[in-house]
N, C-alpha and C. Protein backbone atom coordinates (compact mmCIF):
# COMPACT_ATOMS: atom_id res chain seq x y z
N MET A 1 127.35 93.87 149.23
CA MET A 1 128.14 93.97 148.03
C MET A 1 127.22 94.47 146.92
N THR A 2 127.65 95.49 146.21
CA THR A 2 126.87 96.03 145.10
C THR A 2 127.31 95.36 143.82
N SER A 3 126.34 95.16 142.97
CA SER A 3 126.68 94.53 141.70
C SER A 3 126.95 95.60 140.66
N MET A 4 127.86 95.30 139.81
CA MET A 4 128.20 96.22 138.72
C MET A 4 127.23 95.98 137.57
N PRO A 5 126.77 97.04 136.92
CA PRO A 5 125.90 96.83 135.77
C PRO A 5 126.65 96.10 134.65
N GLU A 6 125.92 95.23 134.00
CA GLU A 6 126.55 94.50 132.90
C GLU A 6 126.89 95.45 131.77
N LYS A 7 128.05 95.24 131.23
CA LYS A 7 128.46 96.04 130.09
C LYS A 7 127.74 95.50 128.85
N THR A 8 127.08 96.40 128.14
CA THR A 8 126.39 95.98 126.93
C THR A 8 127.10 96.51 125.71
N THR A 9 127.12 95.73 124.70
CA THR A 9 127.67 96.19 123.43
C THR A 9 126.56 96.15 122.41
N HIS A 10 126.54 97.12 121.58
CA HIS A 10 125.52 97.21 120.54
C HIS A 10 126.15 96.95 119.19
N SER A 11 125.45 96.17 118.42
CA SER A 11 125.88 95.97 117.04
C SER A 11 125.43 97.16 116.22
N ILE A 12 126.28 97.58 115.35
CA ILE A 12 125.97 98.70 114.47
C ILE A 12 126.09 98.21 113.04
N ILE A 13 125.09 98.55 112.23
CA ILE A 13 125.18 98.26 110.80
C ILE A 13 125.10 99.58 110.05
N THR A 14 125.70 99.60 108.89
CA THR A 14 125.63 100.79 108.05
C THR A 14 125.03 100.43 106.70
N LEU A 15 124.27 101.36 106.18
CA LEU A 15 123.71 101.29 104.84
C LEU A 15 124.01 102.62 104.17
N THR A 16 124.22 102.59 102.89
CA THR A 16 124.29 103.84 102.14
C THR A 16 122.97 103.95 101.39
N VAL A 17 122.20 104.97 101.74
CA VAL A 17 120.88 105.16 101.16
C VAL A 17 120.89 106.48 100.39
N ASN A 18 120.64 106.37 99.09
CA ASN A 18 120.63 107.54 98.21
C ASN A 18 121.90 108.37 98.33
N GLY A 19 123.03 107.67 98.49
CA GLY A 19 124.33 108.32 98.55
C GLY A 19 124.76 108.76 99.94
N ASP A 20 123.89 108.67 100.94
CA ASP A 20 124.24 109.07 102.30
C ASP A 20 124.40 107.84 103.18
N GLU A 21 125.52 107.79 103.92
CA GLU A 21 125.74 106.65 104.80
C GLU A 21 124.97 106.85 106.10
N HIS A 22 124.31 105.77 106.54
CA HIS A 22 123.53 105.77 107.78
C HIS A 22 124.01 104.61 108.65
N ALA A 23 124.30 104.91 109.91
CA ALA A 23 124.66 103.88 110.88
C ALA A 23 123.46 103.65 111.79
N PHE A 24 123.14 102.39 112.01
CA PHE A 24 122.00 102.02 112.84
C PHE A 24 122.47 101.13 113.98
N ILE A 25 122.01 101.43 115.18
CA ILE A 25 122.25 100.56 116.32
C ILE A 25 121.14 99.52 116.33
N LEU A 26 121.52 98.27 116.38
CA LEU A 26 120.53 97.20 116.42
C LEU A 26 120.06 96.99 117.85
N GLY A 27 118.77 97.00 118.02
CA GLY A 27 118.21 96.78 119.34
C GLY A 27 116.73 97.08 119.34
N GLU A 28 116.14 96.96 120.51
CA GLU A 28 114.70 97.17 120.65
C GLU A 28 114.37 98.50 121.32
N GLY A 29 115.36 99.30 121.62
CA GLY A 29 115.12 100.55 122.33
C GLY A 29 114.79 101.70 121.41
N ALA A 30 114.53 102.84 122.03
CA ALA A 30 114.25 104.06 121.27
C ALA A 30 115.46 104.39 120.40
N HIS A 31 115.21 104.84 119.21
CA HIS A 31 116.26 105.25 118.26
C HIS A 31 117.15 104.09 117.83
N GLN A 32 116.63 102.88 117.93
CA GLN A 32 117.36 101.72 117.47
C GLN A 32 116.55 101.01 116.40
N VAL A 33 117.23 100.22 115.59
CA VAL A 33 116.57 99.43 114.56
C VAL A 33 116.50 98.00 115.06
N SER A 34 115.30 97.49 115.13
CA SER A 34 115.11 96.11 115.59
C SER A 34 115.65 95.14 114.55
N PRO A 35 116.25 94.05 115.00
CA PRO A 35 116.70 93.04 114.04
C PRO A 35 115.56 92.46 113.21
N SER A 36 114.33 92.65 113.66
CA SER A 36 113.17 92.14 112.91
C SER A 36 112.59 93.15 111.93
N HIS A 37 113.14 94.37 111.89
CA HIS A 37 112.61 95.38 110.97
C HIS A 37 112.99 95.06 109.54
N THR A 38 112.03 95.24 108.66
CA THR A 38 112.33 95.09 107.24
C THR A 38 113.00 96.36 106.72
N LEU A 39 113.64 96.22 105.58
CA LEU A 39 114.23 97.39 104.95
C LEU A 39 113.15 98.43 104.64
N ALA A 40 111.99 97.98 104.19
CA ALA A 40 110.89 98.92 103.90
C ALA A 40 110.53 99.72 105.15
N HIS A 41 110.42 99.06 106.29
CA HIS A 41 110.09 99.74 107.54
C HIS A 41 111.17 100.75 107.90
N THR A 42 112.43 100.34 107.79
CA THR A 42 113.53 101.25 108.13
C THR A 42 113.56 102.45 107.21
N LEU A 43 113.36 102.24 105.93
CA LEU A 43 113.37 103.36 104.98
C LEU A 43 112.25 104.34 105.31
N ARG A 44 111.05 103.84 105.53
CA ARG A 44 109.89 104.69 105.76
C ARG A 44 109.86 105.30 107.17
N GLU A 45 109.99 104.45 108.17
CA GLU A 45 109.76 104.88 109.55
C GLU A 45 110.98 105.49 110.21
N THR A 46 112.16 104.99 109.90
CA THR A 46 113.37 105.51 110.52
C THR A 46 113.97 106.66 109.73
N LEU A 47 114.02 106.50 108.40
CA LEU A 47 114.64 107.53 107.57
C LEU A 47 113.64 108.49 106.94
N GLY A 48 112.35 108.21 107.03
CA GLY A 48 111.34 109.12 106.50
C GLY A 48 111.25 109.14 104.98
N LEU A 49 111.73 108.10 104.33
CA LEU A 49 111.68 108.01 102.87
C LEU A 49 110.39 107.29 102.48
N THR A 50 109.31 108.04 102.44
CA THR A 50 107.99 107.45 102.28
C THR A 50 107.62 107.14 100.83
N GLY A 51 108.51 107.39 99.89
CA GLY A 51 108.26 106.99 98.51
C GLY A 51 108.21 105.48 98.36
N THR A 52 108.93 104.77 99.22
CA THR A 52 108.87 103.32 99.24
C THR A 52 107.56 102.94 99.93
N LYS A 53 106.69 102.29 99.20
CA LYS A 53 105.36 101.96 99.71
C LYS A 53 105.31 100.54 100.25
N ILE A 54 104.48 100.34 101.26
CA ILE A 54 104.20 99.01 101.78
C ILE A 54 102.74 98.76 101.49
N SER A 55 102.48 97.74 100.70
CA SER A 55 101.10 97.42 100.33
C SER A 55 100.77 96.01 100.82
N CYS A 56 101.18 95.00 100.10
CA CYS A 56 100.84 93.63 100.49
C CYS A 56 101.67 93.15 101.67
N ASP A 57 102.90 93.69 101.80
CA ASP A 57 103.85 93.31 102.85
C ASP A 57 104.22 91.83 102.78
N ARG A 58 104.10 91.26 101.58
CA ARG A 58 104.42 89.84 101.38
C ARG A 58 105.20 89.60 100.08
N GLY A 59 105.68 90.66 99.45
CA GLY A 59 106.48 90.51 98.25
C GLY A 59 105.71 90.18 96.99
N ALA A 60 104.40 90.43 96.99
CA ALA A 60 103.59 90.04 95.85
C ALA A 60 103.22 91.19 94.92
N CYS A 61 103.36 92.44 95.36
CA CYS A 61 102.83 93.55 94.55
C CYS A 61 103.90 94.44 93.92
N GLY A 62 105.10 94.49 94.47
CA GLY A 62 106.17 95.31 93.91
C GLY A 62 106.18 96.75 94.36
N CYS A 63 105.24 97.18 95.18
CA CYS A 63 105.19 98.59 95.60
C CYS A 63 106.41 99.02 96.41
N CYS A 64 107.06 98.08 97.07
CA CYS A 64 108.19 98.40 97.94
C CYS A 64 109.54 98.29 97.22
N THR A 65 109.53 98.15 95.91
CA THR A 65 110.78 97.92 95.17
C THR A 65 111.74 99.09 95.30
N VAL A 66 112.98 98.77 95.65
CA VAL A 66 114.09 99.72 95.68
C VAL A 66 115.26 99.05 94.97
N LEU A 67 116.32 99.79 94.77
CA LEU A 67 117.53 99.20 94.20
C LEU A 67 118.52 98.92 95.31
N MET A 68 119.08 97.72 95.30
CA MET A 68 120.16 97.38 96.22
C MET A 68 121.34 96.97 95.36
N ASP A 69 122.40 97.76 95.47
CA ASP A 69 123.58 97.55 94.62
C ASP A 69 123.17 97.48 93.15
N GLY A 70 122.18 98.33 92.78
CA GLY A 70 121.76 98.46 91.39
C GLY A 70 120.70 97.48 90.92
N LYS A 71 120.34 96.52 91.75
CA LYS A 71 119.35 95.51 91.35
C LYS A 71 118.04 95.75 92.10
N ALA A 72 116.93 95.50 91.42
CA ALA A 72 115.62 95.67 92.02
C ALA A 72 115.41 94.59 93.09
N VAL A 73 114.98 95.03 94.29
CA VAL A 73 114.67 94.12 95.38
C VAL A 73 113.37 94.56 96.03
N LEU A 74 112.70 93.61 96.65
CA LEU A 74 111.47 93.90 97.39
C LEU A 74 111.87 94.19 98.83
N SER A 75 111.77 95.45 99.22
CA SER A 75 112.26 95.86 100.54
C SER A 75 111.42 95.34 101.69
N CYS A 76 110.19 94.90 101.41
CA CYS A 76 109.36 94.32 102.48
C CYS A 76 109.78 92.89 102.80
N MET A 77 110.60 92.30 101.94
CA MET A 77 111.02 90.92 102.12
C MET A 77 112.45 90.79 102.64
N LEU A 78 113.10 91.92 102.88
CA LEU A 78 114.49 91.90 103.37
C LEU A 78 114.53 92.51 104.76
N LEU A 79 115.25 91.87 105.65
CA LEU A 79 115.50 92.50 106.94
C LEU A 79 116.59 93.55 106.76
N THR A 80 116.49 94.62 107.51
CA THR A 80 117.50 95.67 107.43
C THR A 80 118.89 95.11 107.68
N VAL A 81 119.01 94.19 108.64
CA VAL A 81 120.32 93.61 108.95
C VAL A 81 120.92 92.87 107.76
N GLU A 82 120.09 92.37 106.86
CA GLU A 82 120.59 91.67 105.68
C GLU A 82 121.21 92.63 104.67
N CYS A 83 120.96 93.92 104.84
CA CYS A 83 121.39 94.92 103.87
C CYS A 83 122.64 95.67 104.32
N ALA A 84 123.23 95.24 105.40
CA ALA A 84 124.43 95.91 105.92
C ALA A 84 125.49 96.03 104.84
N GLY A 85 126.03 97.23 104.71
CA GLY A 85 127.09 97.49 103.75
C GLY A 85 126.64 97.68 102.32
N LYS A 86 125.35 97.64 102.09
CA LYS A 86 124.81 97.73 100.73
C LYS A 86 124.51 99.18 100.34
N GLN A 87 124.43 99.40 99.03
CA GLN A 87 124.01 100.68 98.45
C GLN A 87 122.53 100.56 98.12
N ILE A 88 121.70 101.37 98.76
CA ILE A 88 120.26 101.34 98.55
C ILE A 88 119.86 102.63 97.84
N THR A 89 119.04 102.51 96.81
CA THR A 89 118.49 103.68 96.13
C THR A 89 116.98 103.57 96.16
N THR A 90 116.34 104.64 96.63
CA THR A 90 114.89 104.73 96.64
C THR A 90 114.46 105.72 95.57
N ILE A 91 113.17 105.85 95.39
CA ILE A 91 112.64 106.81 94.41
C ILE A 91 113.16 108.22 94.71
N GLU A 92 113.35 108.54 95.99
CA GLU A 92 113.86 109.87 96.35
C GLU A 92 115.29 110.08 95.91
N GLY A 93 116.01 108.99 95.65
CA GLY A 93 117.42 109.08 95.26
C GLY A 93 117.65 109.18 93.77
N LEU A 94 116.59 109.11 92.97
CA LEU A 94 116.75 109.27 91.53
C LEU A 94 116.88 110.76 91.21
N GLY A 95 117.39 111.05 90.05
CA GLY A 95 117.51 112.44 89.65
C GLY A 95 118.86 113.02 90.05
N ASP A 96 118.99 114.31 89.84
CA ASP A 96 120.24 115.01 90.09
C ASP A 96 120.11 115.84 91.36
N PRO A 97 120.79 115.47 92.44
CA PRO A 97 120.66 116.22 93.68
C PRO A 97 121.20 117.65 93.58
N ALA A 98 122.15 117.88 92.69
CA ALA A 98 122.72 119.22 92.55
C ALA A 98 121.73 120.20 91.92
N THR A 99 121.00 119.73 90.90
CA THR A 99 120.08 120.63 90.20
C THR A 99 118.63 120.45 90.62
N GLY A 100 118.34 119.31 91.25
CA GLY A 100 116.95 119.01 91.60
C GLY A 100 116.15 118.45 90.44
N ALA A 101 116.79 118.26 89.30
CA ALA A 101 116.10 117.71 88.13
C ALA A 101 115.74 116.25 88.39
N ILE A 102 114.54 115.87 87.98
CA ILE A 102 114.13 114.48 88.15
C ILE A 102 114.79 113.61 87.10
N ASP A 103 114.80 112.33 87.36
CA ASP A 103 115.39 111.36 86.44
C ASP A 103 114.60 111.32 85.13
N ARG A 104 115.29 111.01 84.06
CA ARG A 104 114.66 110.90 82.74
C ARG A 104 113.49 109.93 82.76
N LEU A 105 113.62 108.85 83.49
CA LEU A 105 112.55 107.86 83.58
C LEU A 105 111.32 108.44 84.29
N GLN A 106 111.53 109.18 85.35
CA GLN A 106 110.42 109.83 86.04
C GLN A 106 109.71 110.81 85.10
N GLN A 107 110.49 111.58 84.35
CA GLN A 107 109.89 112.54 83.42
C GLN A 107 109.09 111.82 82.34
N SER A 108 109.59 110.69 81.89
CA SER A 108 108.88 109.92 80.88
C SER A 108 107.54 109.41 81.41
N PHE A 109 107.50 109.02 82.68
CA PHE A 109 106.23 108.61 83.29
C PHE A 109 105.24 109.78 83.30
N ILE A 110 105.73 110.97 83.55
CA ILE A 110 104.87 112.16 83.52
C ILE A 110 104.39 112.41 82.10
N ASP A 111 105.33 112.39 81.16
CA ASP A 111 105.00 112.67 79.76
C ASP A 111 103.99 111.69 79.17
N HIS A 112 104.02 110.45 79.63
CA HIS A 112 103.14 109.41 79.09
C HIS A 112 101.93 109.12 79.99
N THR A 113 101.74 109.94 81.00
CA THR A 113 100.65 109.76 81.97
C THR A 113 100.62 108.30 82.43
N ALA A 114 101.76 107.81 82.85
CA ALA A 114 101.91 106.41 83.22
C ALA A 114 101.67 106.20 84.72
N PHE A 115 100.74 106.90 85.27
CA PHE A 115 100.39 106.76 86.67
C PHE A 115 98.98 107.30 86.84
N GLN A 116 98.33 106.93 87.91
CA GLN A 116 97.04 107.51 88.22
C GLN A 116 97.07 107.93 89.68
N CYS A 117 96.79 107.02 90.59
CA CYS A 117 96.85 107.43 92.01
C CYS A 117 98.30 107.60 92.45
N GLY A 118 99.23 106.88 91.82
CA GLY A 118 100.65 107.04 92.11
C GLY A 118 101.19 106.14 93.21
N PHE A 119 100.35 105.39 93.89
CA PHE A 119 100.82 104.58 95.01
C PHE A 119 101.88 103.57 94.57
N CYS A 120 101.64 102.87 93.48
CA CYS A 120 102.57 101.83 93.05
C CYS A 120 103.67 102.36 92.13
N THR A 121 103.54 103.59 91.69
CA THR A 121 104.47 104.16 90.70
C THR A 121 105.93 104.11 91.14
N PRO A 122 106.28 104.45 92.38
CA PRO A 122 107.70 104.36 92.75
C PRO A 122 108.28 102.96 92.56
N GLY A 123 107.54 101.94 92.93
CA GLY A 123 108.04 100.58 92.74
C GLY A 123 108.21 100.22 91.29
N ILE A 124 107.27 100.65 90.46
CA ILE A 124 107.37 100.38 89.03
C ILE A 124 108.58 101.11 88.44
N ILE A 125 108.76 102.36 88.82
CA ILE A 125 109.90 103.13 88.31
C ILE A 125 111.21 102.50 88.75
N MET A 126 111.29 102.04 89.98
CA MET A 126 112.54 101.44 90.45
C MET A 126 112.83 100.12 89.74
N SER A 127 111.81 99.33 89.46
CA SER A 127 112.01 98.11 88.67
C SER A 127 112.48 98.44 87.26
N ALA A 128 111.87 99.47 86.66
CA ALA A 128 112.26 99.90 85.31
C ALA A 128 113.68 100.46 85.32
N LYS A 129 114.04 101.19 86.36
CA LYS A 129 115.38 101.75 86.47
C LYS A 129 116.43 100.63 86.51
N ALA A 130 116.15 99.59 87.28
CA ALA A 130 117.08 98.46 87.35
C ALA A 130 117.24 97.82 85.97
N LEU A 131 116.14 97.68 85.25
CA LEU A 131 116.21 97.13 83.89
C LEU A 131 117.07 98.01 83.00
N LEU A 132 116.80 99.32 82.99
CA LEU A 132 117.53 100.22 82.10
C LEU A 132 119.01 100.33 82.48
N ASN A 133 119.32 100.17 83.78
CA ASN A 133 120.73 100.15 84.18
C ASN A 133 121.45 98.93 83.61
N GLN A 134 120.74 97.82 83.54
CA GLN A 134 121.32 96.58 83.03
C GLN A 134 121.23 96.49 81.51
N ASN A 135 120.12 96.98 80.95
CA ASN A 135 119.86 96.87 79.52
C ASN A 135 119.30 98.20 79.03
N PRO A 136 120.15 99.10 78.54
CA PRO A 136 119.69 100.44 78.15
C PRO A 136 118.74 100.48 76.95
N SER A 137 118.66 99.39 76.19
CA SER A 137 117.79 99.35 75.01
C SER A 137 116.91 98.11 75.03
N PRO A 138 116.01 98.00 76.01
CA PRO A 138 115.20 96.78 76.08
C PRO A 138 114.09 96.76 75.02
N THR A 139 113.66 95.56 74.72
CA THR A 139 112.48 95.40 73.85
C THR A 139 111.23 95.55 74.72
N ARG A 140 110.10 95.69 74.09
CA ARG A 140 108.83 95.78 74.81
C ARG A 140 108.62 94.53 75.68
N GLU A 141 108.98 93.37 75.15
CA GLU A 141 108.83 92.12 75.89
C GLU A 141 109.75 92.08 77.11
N GLU A 142 110.96 92.62 76.97
CA GLU A 142 111.88 92.67 78.11
C GLU A 142 111.37 93.62 79.20
N VAL A 143 110.76 94.72 78.81
CA VAL A 143 110.16 95.63 79.78
C VAL A 143 109.01 94.93 80.49
N GLN A 144 108.16 94.24 79.73
CA GLN A 144 107.05 93.51 80.34
C GLN A 144 107.56 92.48 81.36
N ALA A 145 108.60 91.76 80.99
CA ALA A 145 109.14 90.74 81.90
C ALA A 145 109.72 91.39 83.16
N ALA A 146 110.43 92.50 83.02
CA ALA A 146 111.04 93.18 84.17
C ALA A 146 109.99 93.74 85.12
N LEU A 147 108.83 94.12 84.58
CA LEU A 147 107.78 94.72 85.41
C LEU A 147 106.70 93.71 85.82
N ALA A 148 106.92 92.44 85.53
CA ALA A 148 105.90 91.42 85.79
C ALA A 148 105.52 91.32 87.27
N GLY A 149 106.41 91.70 88.17
CA GLY A 149 106.13 91.62 89.60
C GLY A 149 105.51 92.86 90.18
N ASN A 150 105.23 93.86 89.36
CA ASN A 150 104.63 95.11 89.83
C ASN A 150 103.17 95.14 89.41
N PHE A 151 102.31 95.35 90.39
CA PHE A 151 100.88 95.35 90.11
C PHE A 151 100.26 96.70 90.39
N CYS A 152 99.42 97.14 89.46
CA CYS A 152 98.68 98.39 89.60
C CYS A 152 97.27 98.12 89.10
N ARG A 153 96.31 98.63 89.84
CA ARG A 153 94.93 98.43 89.45
C ARG A 153 94.31 99.70 88.85
N CYS A 154 95.09 100.76 88.77
CA CYS A 154 94.54 102.06 88.33
C CYS A 154 94.77 102.38 86.86
N ILE A 155 95.90 101.94 86.32
CA ILE A 155 96.35 102.47 85.03
C ILE A 155 96.38 101.41 83.95
N SER A 156 96.55 101.88 82.76
CA SER A 156 96.83 101.00 81.64
C SER A 156 98.34 100.76 81.63
N HIS A 157 98.73 99.52 81.67
CA HIS A 157 100.15 99.21 81.65
C HIS A 157 100.80 99.55 80.30
N TYR A 158 99.98 99.81 79.29
CA TYR A 158 100.54 100.26 78.01
C TYR A 158 101.23 101.60 78.17
N HIS A 159 100.68 102.48 78.99
CA HIS A 159 101.32 103.78 79.24
C HIS A 159 102.68 103.58 79.91
N VAL A 160 102.74 102.65 80.84
CA VAL A 160 103.99 102.37 81.54
C VAL A 160 105.03 101.83 80.56
N LEU A 161 104.64 100.88 79.74
CA LEU A 161 105.58 100.31 78.76
C LEU A 161 106.09 101.40 77.83
N ASP A 162 105.19 102.25 77.36
CA ASP A 162 105.59 103.34 76.46
C ASP A 162 106.55 104.30 77.16
N ALA A 163 106.30 104.59 78.43
CA ALA A 163 107.17 105.50 79.18
C ALA A 163 108.58 104.93 79.33
N VAL A 164 108.67 103.65 79.67
CA VAL A 164 109.98 103.03 79.85
C VAL A 164 110.74 102.97 78.53
N LEU A 165 110.07 102.57 77.47
CA LEU A 165 110.72 102.50 76.17
C LEU A 165 111.15 103.88 75.67
N ASP A 166 110.34 104.90 75.93
CA ASP A 166 110.70 106.26 75.53
C ASP A 166 111.93 106.74 76.31
N ALA A 167 111.98 106.45 77.60
CA ALA A 167 113.16 106.84 78.40
C ALA A 167 114.40 106.12 77.89
N ALA A 168 114.24 104.86 77.50
CA ALA A 168 115.39 104.11 76.97
C ALA A 168 115.89 104.72 75.66
N GLN A 169 114.98 105.18 74.83
CA GLN A 169 115.37 105.76 73.54
C GLN A 169 116.08 107.10 73.72
N LYS A 170 115.84 107.77 74.85
CA LYS A 170 116.43 109.09 75.07
C LYS A 170 117.83 109.04 75.65
N GLY A 171 118.37 107.83 75.83
CA GLY A 171 119.76 107.74 76.22
C GLY A 171 120.00 107.10 77.55
N ASP A 172 121.23 107.23 78.00
CA ASP A 172 121.71 106.62 79.23
C ASP A 172 120.83 107.04 80.41
N PRO A 173 120.27 106.07 81.16
CA PRO A 173 119.37 106.39 82.26
C PRO A 173 120.05 106.88 83.51
N GLU A 174 121.35 106.93 83.56
CA GLU A 174 122.06 107.34 84.78
C GLU A 174 122.24 108.83 84.82
């Protein structure tokens, strides 16, 4: 008597990343997303969105910050499966896809030289973007509080504060 192969069913989760919907098969095989993968891993390794950085991999530095449903989250601390059905925005998703113009906040970072090596800059920008989406006219103290979880060893944080406040003064960040 021959045995029939067991029928397997795969769980599928979907995420909308930078406006594009992605379906992922959960599993340990090739072209699958492991249930143990973090959102940071999935963004970088599966989708190739390398602007999201992994540094401490423990939620302490802010380099992996992305927006989930408009709020800043540490993508190294979230499993991809926890993000099913969510809207994720990475640094690559800022700006105008039709014209290729960068976001006002990104331009302000350039104008104020608010970066040096640039490794942590995407996380800082995403934290600032979440703040400006919630509070378009923050005070310097509110910017400091919003960026308190982002660490950079290269730059003066005064440049970052000036860049965020300048972007806020120039209008709606969306």
